PDB file of N, CA and C in Angstrom:
ATOM      1  N   UNK A   1     152.566 -73.716-189.440  1.00  0.00           N
ATOM      2  CA  UNK A   1     151.857 -72.902-190.334  1.00  0.00           C
ATOM      3  C   UNK A   1     152.543 -71.698-190.613  1.00  0.00           C
ATOM      4  N   UNK A   2     152.465 -71.437-191.984  1.00  0.00           N
ATOM      5  CA  UNK A   2     153.267 -69.924-192.502  1.00  0.00           C
ATOM      6  C   UNK A   2     152.448 -68.891-191.917  1.00  0.00           C
ATOM      7  N   UNK A   3     153.325 -67.837-191.602  1.00  0.00           N
ATOM      8  CA  UNK A   3     152.683 -66.584-191.054  1.00  0.00           C
ATOM      9  C   UNK A   3     152.800 -65.475-192.165  1.00  0.00           C
ATOM     10  N   UNK A   4     152.093 -64.560-192.131  1.00  0.00           N
ATOM     11  CA  UNK A   4     152.026 -63.309-192.872  1.00  0.00           C
ATOM     12  C   UNK A   4     151.800 -62.224-192.233  1.00  0.00           C
ATOM     13  N   UNK A   5     152.472 -60.866-192.478  1.00  0.00           N
ATOM     14  CA  UNK A   5     151.918 -59.892-191.870  1.00  0.00           C
ATOM     15  C   UNK A   5     151.160 -59.109-192.740  1.00  0.00           C
ATOM     16  N   UNK A   6     149.993 -58.632-191.932  1.00  0.00           N
ATOM     17  CA  UNK A   6     148.953 -57.821-192.742  1.00  0.00           C
ATOM     18  C   UNK A   6     148.739 -56.366-192.261  1.00  0.00           C
ATOM     19  N   UNK A   7     148.596 -55.412-193.067  1.00  0.00           N
ATOM     20  CA  UNK A   7     148.383 -54.182-192.637  1.00  0.00           C
ATOM     21  C   UNK A   7     146.952 -53.826-192.914  1.00  0.00           C
ATOM     22  N   UNK A   8     146.220 -53.537-191.916  1.00  0.00           N
ATOM     23  CA  UNK A   8     144.658 -53.407-191.859  1.00  0.00           C
ATOM     24  C   UNK A   8     144.521 -51.931-191.523  1.00  0.00           C
ATOM     25  N   UNK A   9     143.228 -51.541-192.246  1.00  0.00           N
ATOM     26  CA  UNK A   9     142.854 -50.280-192.007  1.00  0.00           C
ATOM     27  C   UNK A   9     142.339 -50.180-190.375  1.00  0.00           C
ATOM     28  N   UNK A  10     142.332 -49.059-189.822  1.00  0.00           N
ATOM     29  CA  UNK A  10     141.662 -49.045-188.361  1.00  0.00           C
ATOM     30  C   UNK A  10     140.199 -49.651-188.395  1.00  0.00           C
ATOM     31  N   UNK A  11     139.514 -49.442-189.431  1.00  0.00           N
ATOM     32  CA  UNK A  11     138.111 -50.120-189.187  1.00  0.00           C
ATOM     33  C   UNK A  11     138.162 -51.660-189.328  1.00  0.00           C
ATOM     34  N   UNK A  12     138.973 -52.185-190.116  1.00  0.00           N
ATOM     35  CA  UNK A  12     139.059 -53.505-190.226  1.00  0.00           C
ATOM     36  C   UNK A  12     139.864 -54.193-188.868  1.00  0.00           C
ATOM     37  N   UNK A  13     140.800 -53.488-188.432  1.00  0.00           N
ATOM     38  CA  UNK A  13     141.329 -53.854-187.165  1.00  0.00           C
ATOM     39  C   UNK A  13     140.417 -53.852-186.035  1.00  0.00           C
ATOM     40  N   UNK A  14     139.464 -52.884-185.996  1.00  0.00           N
ATOM     41  CA  UNK A  14     138.537 -52.919-184.931  1.00  0.00           C
ATOM     42  C   UNK A  14     137.541 -54.116-185.243  1.00  0.00           C
ATOM     43  N   UNK A  15     137.227 -54.278-186.472  1.00  0.00           N
ATOM     44  CA  UNK A  15     136.302 -55.234-186.746  1.00  0.00           C
ATOM     45  C   UNK A  15     136.779 -56.737-186.189  1.00  0.00           C
ATOM     46  N   UNK A  16     138.142 -56.966-186.415  1.00  0.00           N
ATOM     47  CA  UNK A  16     138.753 -58.167-186.121  1.00  0.00           C
ATOM     48  C   UNK A  16     138.915 -58.116-184.461  1.00  0.00           C
ATOM     49  N   UNK A  17     139.110 -57.158-183.792  1.00  0.00           N
ATOM     50  CA  UNK A  17     139.189 -57.108-182.216  1.00  0.00           C
ATOM     51  C   UNK A  17     137.804 -57.343-181.775  1.00  0.00           C
ATOM     52  N   UNK A  18     136.671 -56.778-182.344  1.00  0.00           N
ATOM     53  CA  UNK A  18     135.292 -57.091-182.035  1.00  0.00           C
ATOM     54  C   UNK A  18     135.006 -58.596-182.244  1.00  0.00           C
ATOM     55  N   UNK A  19     135.449 -59.249-183.276  1.00  0.00           N
ATOM     56  CA  UNK A  19     135.116 -60.647-183.596  1.00  0.00           C
ATOM     57  C   UNK A  19     135.827 -61.431-182.370  1.00  0.00           C
ATOM     58  N   UNK A  20     136.955 -61.160-182.111  1.00  0.00           N
ATOM     59  CA  UNK A  20     137.748 -61.885-181.048  1.00  0.00           C
ATOM     60  C   UNK A  20     137.046 -61.708-179.540  1.00  0.00           C
ATOM     61  N   UNK A  21     136.870 -60.390-179.336  1.00  0.00           N
ATOM     62  CA  UNK A  21     136.277 -60.064-177.982  1.00  0.00           C
ATOM     63  C   UNK A  21     134.805 -60.787-177.825  1.00  0.00           C
ATOM     64  N   UNK A  22     134.205 -60.861-178.932  1.00  0.00           N
ATOM     65  CA  UNK A  22     132.825 -61.484-178.849  1.00  0.00           C
ATOM     66  C   UNK A  22     132.834 -62.907-178.480  1.00  0.00           C
ATOM     67  N   UNK A  23     133.913 -63.522-178.619  1.00  0.00           N
ATOM     68  CA  UNK A  23     134.114 -64.956-178.219  1.00  0.00           C
ATOM     69  C   UNK A  23     133.878 -65.911-179.547  1.00  0.00           C
ATOM     70  N   UNK A  24     133.519 -65.293-180.690  1.00  0.00           N
ATOM     71  CA  UNK A  24     133.374 -66.129-181.938  1.00  0.00           C
ATOM     72  C   UNK A  24     134.581 -66.710-182.409  1.00  0.00           C
ATOM     73  N   UNK A  25     135.824 -65.962-182.176  1.00  0.00           N
ATOM     74  CA  UNK A  25     137.001 -66.476-182.617  1.00  0.00           C
ATOM     75  C   UNK A  25     137.986 -66.247-181.303  1.00  0.00           C
ATOM     76  N   UNK A  26     138.863 -67.174-181.439  1.00  0.00           N
ATOM     77  CA  UNK A  26     140.035 -67.186-180.317  1.00  0.00           C
ATOM     78  C   UNK A  26     141.020 -66.300-180.529  1.00  0.00           C
ATOM     79  N   UNK A  27     141.274 -65.890-181.819  1.00  0.00           N
ATOM     80  CA  UNK A  27     142.471 -64.954-182.157  1.00  0.00           C
ATOM     81  C   UNK A  27     142.159 -64.303-183.391  1.00  0.00           C
ATOM     82  N   UNK A  28     143.020 -63.311-183.657  1.00  0.00           N
ATOM     83  CA  UNK A  28     142.989 -62.476-184.796  1.00  0.00           C
ATOM     84  C   UNK A  28     143.281 -63.436-186.041  1.00  0.00           C
ATOM     85  N   UNK A  29     144.199 -64.342-185.904  1.00  0.00           N
ATOM     86  CA  UNK A  29     144.451 -65.289-186.901  1.00  0.00           C
ATOM     87  C   UNK A  29     143.282 -66.124-187.313  1.00  0.00           C
ATOM     88  N   UNK A  30     142.561 -66.441-186.388  1.00  0.00           N
ATOM     89  CA  UNK A  30     141.227 -67.351-186.807  1.00  0.00           C
ATOM     90  C   UNK A  30     140.341 -66.261-187.661  1.00  0.00           C
ATOM     91  N   UNK A  31     140.092 -65.070-187.273  1.00  0.00           N
ATOM     92  CA  UNK A  31     139.346 -64.170-187.979  1.00  0.00           C
ATOM     93  C   UNK A  31     139.895 -64.075-189.418  1.00  0.00           C
ATOM     94  N   UNK A  32     141.192 -63.995-189.676  1.00  0.00           N
ATOM     95  CA  UNK A  32     141.733 -63.588-190.817  1.00  0.00           C
ATOM     96  C   UNK A  32     141.503 -64.967-191.824  1.00  0.00           C
ATOM     97  N   UNK A  33     141.717 -66.198-191.044  1.00  0.00           N
ATOM     98  CA  UNK A  33     141.560 -67.422-191.834  1.00  0.00           C
ATOM     99  C   UNK A  33     140.182 -67.645-192.199  1.00  0.00           C
ATOM    100  N   UNK A  34     139.142 -67.288-191.442  1.00  0.00           N
ATOM    101  CA  UNK A  34     137.701 -67.294-191.599  1.00  0.00           C
ATOM    102  C   UNK A  34     137.364 -66.384-192.950  1.00  0.00           C
ATOM    103  N   UNK A  35     137.886 -65.287-192.885  1.00  0.00           N
ATOM    104  CA  UNK A  35     137.834 -64.218-193.983  1.00  0.00           C
ATOM    105  C   UNK A  35     138.196 -64.769-195.283  1.00  0.00           C
ATOM    106  N   UNK A  36     139.345 -65.317-195.279  1.00  0.00           N
ATOM    107  CA  UNK A  36     139.921 -65.925-196.513  1.00  0.00           C
ATOM    108  C   UNK A  36     139.194 -67.104-196.867  1.00  0.00           C
ATOM    109  N   UNK A  37     138.710 -67.968-196.016  1.00  0.00           N
ATOM    110  CA  UNK A  37     137.968 -69.094-196.467  1.00  0.00           C
ATOM    111  C   UNK A  37     136.770 -68.611-197.170  1.00  0.00           C
ATOM    112  N   UNK A  38     136.188 -67.494-196.628  1.00  0.00           N
ATOM    113  CA  UNK A  38     134.929 -67.085-197.034  1.00  0.00           C
ATOM    114  C   UNK A  38     134.977 -66.590-198.515  1.00  0.00           C
ATOM    115  N   UNK A  39     136.206 -65.918-198.620  1.00  0.00           N
ATOM    116  CA  UNK A  39     136.669 -65.317-199.845  1.00  0.00           C
ATOM    117  C   UNK A  39     136.828 -66.392-200.833  1.00  0.00           C
ATOM    118  N   UNK A  40     137.449 -67.486-200.487  1.00  0.00           N
ATOM    119  CA  UNK A  40     137.551 -68.414-201.359  1.00  0.00           C
ATOM    120  C   UNK A  40     136.265 -69.201-201.750  1.00  0.00           C
ATOM    121  N   UNK A  41     135.442 -69.285-200.929  1.00  0.00           N
ATOM    122  CA  UNK A  41     134.167 -70.061-201.201  1.00  0.00           C
ATOM    123  C   UNK A  41     133.218 -69.018-202.114  1.00  0.00           C
ATOM    124  N   UNK A  42     133.449 -67.692-201.990  1.00  0.00           N
ATOM    125  CA  UNK A  42     132.722 -66.740-202.753  1.00  0.00           C
ATOM    126  C   UNK A  42     133.371 -66.914-204.275  1.00  0.00           C
ATOM    127  N   UNK A  43     134.599 -67.015-204.357  1.00  0.00           N
ATOM    128  CA  UNK A  43     135.099 -67.115-205.565  1.00  0.00           C
ATOM    129  C   UNK A  43     134.708 -68.328-206.293  1.00  0.00           C
ATOM    130  N   UNK A  44     134.734 -69.574-205.766  1.00  0.00           N
ATOM    131  CA  UNK A  44     134.310 -70.678-206.141  1.00  0.00           C
ATOM    132  C   UNK A  44     132.846 -70.732-206.732  1.00  0.00           C
ATOM    133  N   UNK A  45     131.813 -70.026-205.731  1.00  0.00           N
ATOM    134  CA  UNK A  45     130.489 -69.958-206.204  1.00  0.00           C
ATOM    135  C   UNK A  45     130.252 -68.993-207.259  1.00  0.00           C
ATOM    136  N   UNK A  46     131.056 -68.011-207.569  1.00  0.00           N
ATOM    137  CA  UNK A  46     131.111 -67.130-208.532  1.00  0.00           C
ATOM    138  C   UNK A  46     131.457 -67.712-209.813  1.00  0.00           C
ATOM    139  N   UNK A  47     132.571 -68.584-209.770  1.00  0.00           N
ATOM    140  CA  UNK A  47     133.090 -69.292-210.944  1.00  0.00           C
ATOM    141  C   UNK A  47     131.979 -70.369-211.353  1.00  0.00           C
ATOM    142  N   UNK A  48     131.253 -70.938-210.537  1.00  0.00           N
ATOM    143  CA  UNK A  48     130.099 -72.015-210.893  1.00  0.00           C
ATOM    144  C   UNK A  48     129.086 -71.168-211.477  1.00  0.00           C
ATOM    145  N   UNK A  49     128.702 -69.993-211.007  1.00  0.00           N
ATOM    146  CA  UNK A  49     127.625 -69.149-211.426  1.00  0.00           C
ATOM    147  C   UNK A  49     127.849 -68.772-212.825  1.00  0.00           C
ATOM    148  N   UNK A  50     129.116 -68.333-213.077  1.00  0.00           N
ATOM    149  CA  UNK A  50     129.538 -67.804-214.372  1.00  0.00           C
ATOM    150  C   UNK A  50     129.629 -68.869-215.348  1.00  0.00           C
ATOM    151  N   UNK A  51     129.980 -69.999-214.785  1.00  0.00           N
ATOM    152  CA  UNK A  51     129.977 -71.283-215.874  1.00  0.00           C
ATOM    153  C   UNK A  51     128.532 -71.743-216.343  1.00  0.00           C
ATOM    154  N   UNK A  52     127.538 -71.523-215.263  1.00  0.00           N
ATOM    155  CA  UNK A  52     126.266 -71.865-215.707  1.00  0.00           C
ATOM    156  C   UNK A  52     125.646 -70.874-216.714  1.00  0.00           C
ATOM    157  N   UNK A  53     125.895 -69.446-216.320  1.00  0.00           N
ATOM    158  CA  UNK A  53     125.618 -68.330-217.263  1.00  0.00           C
ATOM    159  C   UNK A  53     126.145 -68.589-218.649  1.00  0.00           C
ATOM    160  N   UNK A  54     127.439 -68.849-218.803  1.00  0.00           N
ATOM    161  CA  UNK A  54     127.889 -69.211-220.158  1.00  0.00           C
ATOM    162  C   UNK A  54     127.279 -70.397-220.690  1.00  0.00           C
ATOM    163  N   UNK A  55     126.902 -71.269-220.004  1.00  0.00           N
ATOM    164  CA  UNK A  55     126.139 -72.539-220.644  1.00  0.00           C
ATOM    165  C   UNK A  55     124.717 -72.000-221.078  1.00  0.00           C
ATOM    166  N   UNK A  56     123.976 -71.082-220.347  1.00  0.00           N
ATOM    167  CA  UNK A  56     122.864 -70.604-220.824  1.00  0.00           C
ATOM    168  C   UNK A  56     122.930 -69.675-221.959  1.00  0.00           C
ATOM    169  N   UNK A  57     123.898 -68.818-222.016  1.00  0.00           N
ATOM    170  CA  UNK A  57     124.246 -68.084-223.135  1.00  0.00           C
ATOM    171  C   UNK A  57     124.381 -68.877-224.314  1.00  0.00           C
ATOM    172  N   UNK A  58     125.206 -70.005-224.291  1.00  0.00           N
ATOM    173  CA  UNK A  58     125.241 -70.881-225.394  1.00  0.00           C
ATOM    174  C   UNK A  58     124.159 -71.520-225.858  1.00  0.00           C
ATOM    175  N   UNK A  59     123.342 -71.992-224.931  1.00  0.00           N
ATOM    176  CA  UNK A  59     121.949 -72.523-225.412  1.00  0.00           C
ATOM    177  C   UNK A  59     121.099 -71.398-226.006  1.00  0.00           C
ATOM    178  N   UNK A  60     121.273 -70.320-225.698  1.00  0.00           N
ATOM    179  CA  UNK A  60     120.332 -69.037-226.323  1.00  0.00           C
ATOM    180  C   UNK A  60     120.981 -68.770-227.796  1.00  0.00           C
ATOM    181  N   UNK A  61     122.230 -68.788-227.785  1.00  0.00           N
ATOM    182  CA  UNK A  61     122.835 -68.549-229.180  1.00  0.00           C
ATOM    183  C   UNK A  61     122.499 -69.763-230.139  1.00  0.00           C
ATOM    184  N   UNK A  62     122.505 -70.851-229.522  1.00  0.00           N
ATOM    185  CA  UNK A  62     122.217 -72.149-230.356  1.00  0.00           C
ATOM    186  C   UNK A  62     120.883 -71.913-230.888  1.00  0.00           C
ATOM    187  N   UNK A  63     120.054 -71.540-229.789  1.00  0.00           N
ATOM    188  CA  UNK A  63     118.603 -71.508-230.326  1.00  0.00           C
ATOM    189  C   UNK A  63     118.385 -70.453-231.423  1.00  0.00           C
ATOM    190  N   UNK A  64     119.201 -69.457-231.485  1.00  0.00           N
ATOM    191  CA  UNK A  64     118.985 -68.278-232.382  1.00  0.00           C
ATOM    192  C   UNK A  64     119.642 -68.883-233.768  1.00  0.00           C
ATOM    193  N   UNK A  65     120.730 -69.399-233.575  1.00  0.00           N
ATOM    194  CA  UNK A  65     121.439 -70.007-234.952  1.00  0.00           C
ATOM    195  C   UNK A  65     120.521 -71.124-235.620  1.00  0.00           C
ATOM    196  N   UNK A  66     119.735 -71.918-234.833  1.00  0.00           N
ATOM    197  CA  UNK A  66     118.844 -72.941-235.464  1.00  0.00           C
ATOM    198  C   UNK A  66     117.447 -72.569-235.679  1.00  0.00           C
ATOM    199  N   UNK A  67     117.172 -71.145-235.342  1.00  0.00           N
ATOM    200  CA  UNK A  67     115.824 -70.609-235.642  1.00  0.00           C
ATOM    201  C   UNK A  67     114.753 -70.852-234.557  1.00  0.00           C
ATOM    202  N   UNK A  68     115.181 -71.436-233.410  1.00  0.00           N
ATOM    203  CA  UNK A  68     114.182 -71.539-232.401  1.00  0.00           C
ATOM    204  C   UNK A  68     113.987 -70.417-231.522  1.00  0.00           C
ATOM    205  N   UNK A  69     113.481 -69.433-232.168  1.00  0.00           N
ATOM    206  CA  UNK A  69     113.408 -68.032-231.648  1.00  0.00           C
ATOM    207  C   UNK A  69     112.053 -67.306-232.213  1.00  0.00           C
ATOM    208  N   UNK A  70     111.751 -66.170-231.589  1.00  0.00           N
ATOM    209  CA  UNK A  70     110.374 -65.513-232.029  1.00  0.00           C
ATOM    210  C   UNK A  70     110.825 -64.152-232.057  1.00  0.00           C
ATOM    211  N   UNK A  71     110.330 -63.322-233.268  1.00  0.00           N
ATOM    212  CA  UNK A  71     110.457 -61.921-233.055  1.00  0.00           C
ATOM    213  C   UNK A  71     109.183 -61.307-232.796  1.00  0.00           C
ATOM    214  N   UNK A  72     109.084 -60.208-232.437  1.00  0.00           N
ATOM    215  CA  UNK A  72     107.933 -59.506-232.024  1.00  0.00           C
ATOM    216  C   UNK A  72     107.870 -58.177-232.555  1.00  0.00           C
ATOM    217  N   UNK A  73     106.904 -57.691-232.993  1.00  0.00           N
ATOM    218  CA  UNK A  73     106.796 -56.381-233.717  1.00  0.00           C
ATOM    219  C   UNK A  73     106.819 -55.170-232.624  1.00  0.00           C
ATOM    220  N   UNK A  74     106.564 -55.545-231.418  1.00  0.00           N
ATOM    221  CA  UNK A  74     106.365 -54.498-230.460  1.00  0.00           C
ATOM    222  C   UNK A  74     106.638 -54.979-229.013  1.00  0.00           C
ATOM    223  N   UNK A  75     106.777 -54.051-228.175  1.00  0.00           N
ATOM    224  CA  UNK A  75     106.883 -54.698-226.721  1.00  0.00           C
ATOM    225  C   UNK A  75     105.544 -54.996-226.307  1.00  0.00           C
ATOM    226  N   UNK A  76     104.604 -54.540-226.713  1.00  0.00           N
ATOM    227  CA  UNK A  76     103.187 -54.989-226.366  1.00  0.00           C
ATOM    228  C   UNK A  76     103.000 -56.500-226.830  1.00  0.00           C
ATOM    229  N   UNK A  77     103.453 -56.798-228.003  1.00  0.00           N
ATOM    230  CA  UNK A  77     103.242 -58.155-228.548  1.00  0.00           C
ATOM    231  C   UNK A  77     104.050 -59.176-227.718  1.00  0.00           C
ATOM    232  N   UNK A  78     105.241 -58.592-227.208  1.00  0.00           N
ATOM    233  CA  UNK A  78     106.042 -59.404-226.431  1.00  0.00           C
ATOM    234  C   UNK A  78     105.345 -59.748-225.122  1.00  0.00           C
ATOM    235  N   UNK A  79     104.785 -58.661-224.573  1.00  0.00           N
ATOM    236  CA  UNK A  79     104.092 -58.733-223.273  1.00  0.00           C
ATOM    237  C   UNK A  79     103.022 -59.815-223.423  1.00  0.00           C
ATOM    238  N   UNK A  80     102.283 -59.572-224.461  1.00  0.00           N
ATOM    239  CA  UNK A  80     101.008 -60.574-224.623  1.00  0.00           C
ATOM    240  C   UNK A  80     101.468 -62.041-224.652  1.00  0.00           C
ATOM    241  N   UNK A  81     102.552 -62.332-225.409  1.00  0.00           N
ATOM    242  CA  UNK A  81     103.014 -63.654-225.547  1.00  0.00           C
ATOM    243  C   UNK A  81     103.711 -64.067-224.137  1.00  0.00           C
ATOM    244  N   UNK A  82     104.297 -63.355-223.514  1.00  0.00           N
ATOM    245  CA  UNK A  82     104.622 -63.699-222.104  1.00  0.00           C
ATOM    246  C   UNK A  82     103.653 -63.974-221.266  1.00  0.00           C
ATOM    247  N   UNK A  83     102.506 -63.229-221.231  1.00  0.00           N
ATOM    248  CA  UNK A  83     101.322 -63.336-220.485  1.00  0.00           C
ATOM    249  C   UNK A  83     100.786 -64.764-220.777  1.00  0.00           C
ATOM    250  N   UNK A  84     100.762 -65.105-222.111  1.00  0.00           N
ATOM    251  CA  UNK A  84     100.006 -66.335-222.331  1.00  0.00           C
ATOM    252  C   UNK A  84     101.048 -67.634-222.085  1.00  0.00           C
ATOM    253  N   UNK A  85     102.194 -67.399-222.098  1.00  0.00           N
ATOM    254  CA  UNK A  85     103.241 -68.507-221.548  1.00  0.00           C
ATOM    255  C   UNK A  85     102.811 -68.721-220.028  1.00  0.00           C
ATOM    256  N   UNK A  86     102.751 -67.565-219.317  1.00  0.00           N
ATOM    257  CA  UNK A  86     102.542 -67.614-217.789  1.00  0.00           C
ATOM    258  C   UNK A  86     101.234 -68.288-217.536  1.00  0.00           C
ATOM    259  N   UNK A  87     100.187 -67.985-218.330  1.00  0.00           N
ATOM    260  CA  UNK A  87      98.910 -68.546-218.181  1.00  0.00           C
ATOM    261  C   UNK A  87      99.004 -70.295-218.296  1.00  0.00           C
ATOM    262  N   UNK A  88      99.655 -70.462-219.430  1.00  0.00           N
ATOM    263  CA  UNK A  88     100.014 -71.923-219.725  1.00  0.00           C
ATOM    264  C   UNK A  88     100.739 -72.606-218.560  1.00  0.00           C
ATOM    265  N   UNK A  89     101.620 -71.926-218.005  1.00  0.00           N
ATOM    266  CA  UNK A  89     102.392 -72.538-216.912  1.00  0.00           C
ATOM    267  C   UNK A  89     101.443 -72.750-215.634  1.00  0.00           C
ATOM    268  N   UNK A  90     100.598 -71.636-215.342  1.00  0.00           N
ATOM    269  CA  UNK A  90      99.828 -71.756-214.241  1.00  0.00           C
ATOM    270  C   UNK A  90      98.861 -72.887-214.428  1.00  0.00           C
ATOM    271  N   UNK A  91      98.207 -73.036-215.563  1.00  0.00           N
ATOM    272  CA  UNK A  91      97.257 -74.207-215.870  1.00  0.00           C
ATOM    273  C   UNK A  91      97.981 -75.424-215.528  1.00  0.00           C
ATOM    274  N   UNK A  92      99.316 -75.599-216.092  1.00  0.00           N
ATOM    275  CA  UNK A  92     100.127 -76.871-215.825  1.00  0.00           C
ATOM    276  C   UNK A  92     100.373 -77.218-214.359  1.00  0.00           C
ATOM    277  N   UNK A  93     100.436 -76.085-213.637  1.00  0.00           N
ATOM    278  CA  UNK A  93     100.900 -76.272-212.075  1.00  0.00           C
ATOM    279  C   UNK A  93      99.520 -76.414-211.284  1.00  0.00           C
ATOM    280  N   UNK A  94      98.273 -76.206-212.012  1.00  0.00           N
ATOM    281  CA  UNK A  94      97.060 -76.438-211.262  1.00  0.00           C
ATOM    282  C   UNK A  94      96.577 -77.970-211.238  1.00  0.00           C
TER     283      UNK A  94
END
């Protein structure tokens, strides 16, 4: 397995030592690998989230372009509309 030299802050070095001394990991290398795996997983999850967000934005823009939207004269009118939608959803769930 390839090796890399890593410079850590004293706080991170202490964290790695604590993880090893706790018995959760057998070596500093295992801590580093777990941290990198977690970062990789987090990046994948973020990419999935951003893809879904882009899809939802596209849906919303398409709704606007095709006229599937509503305009409200005031914030109060919007609140009233949302309240009625929530009431309908509650009724459907009952």
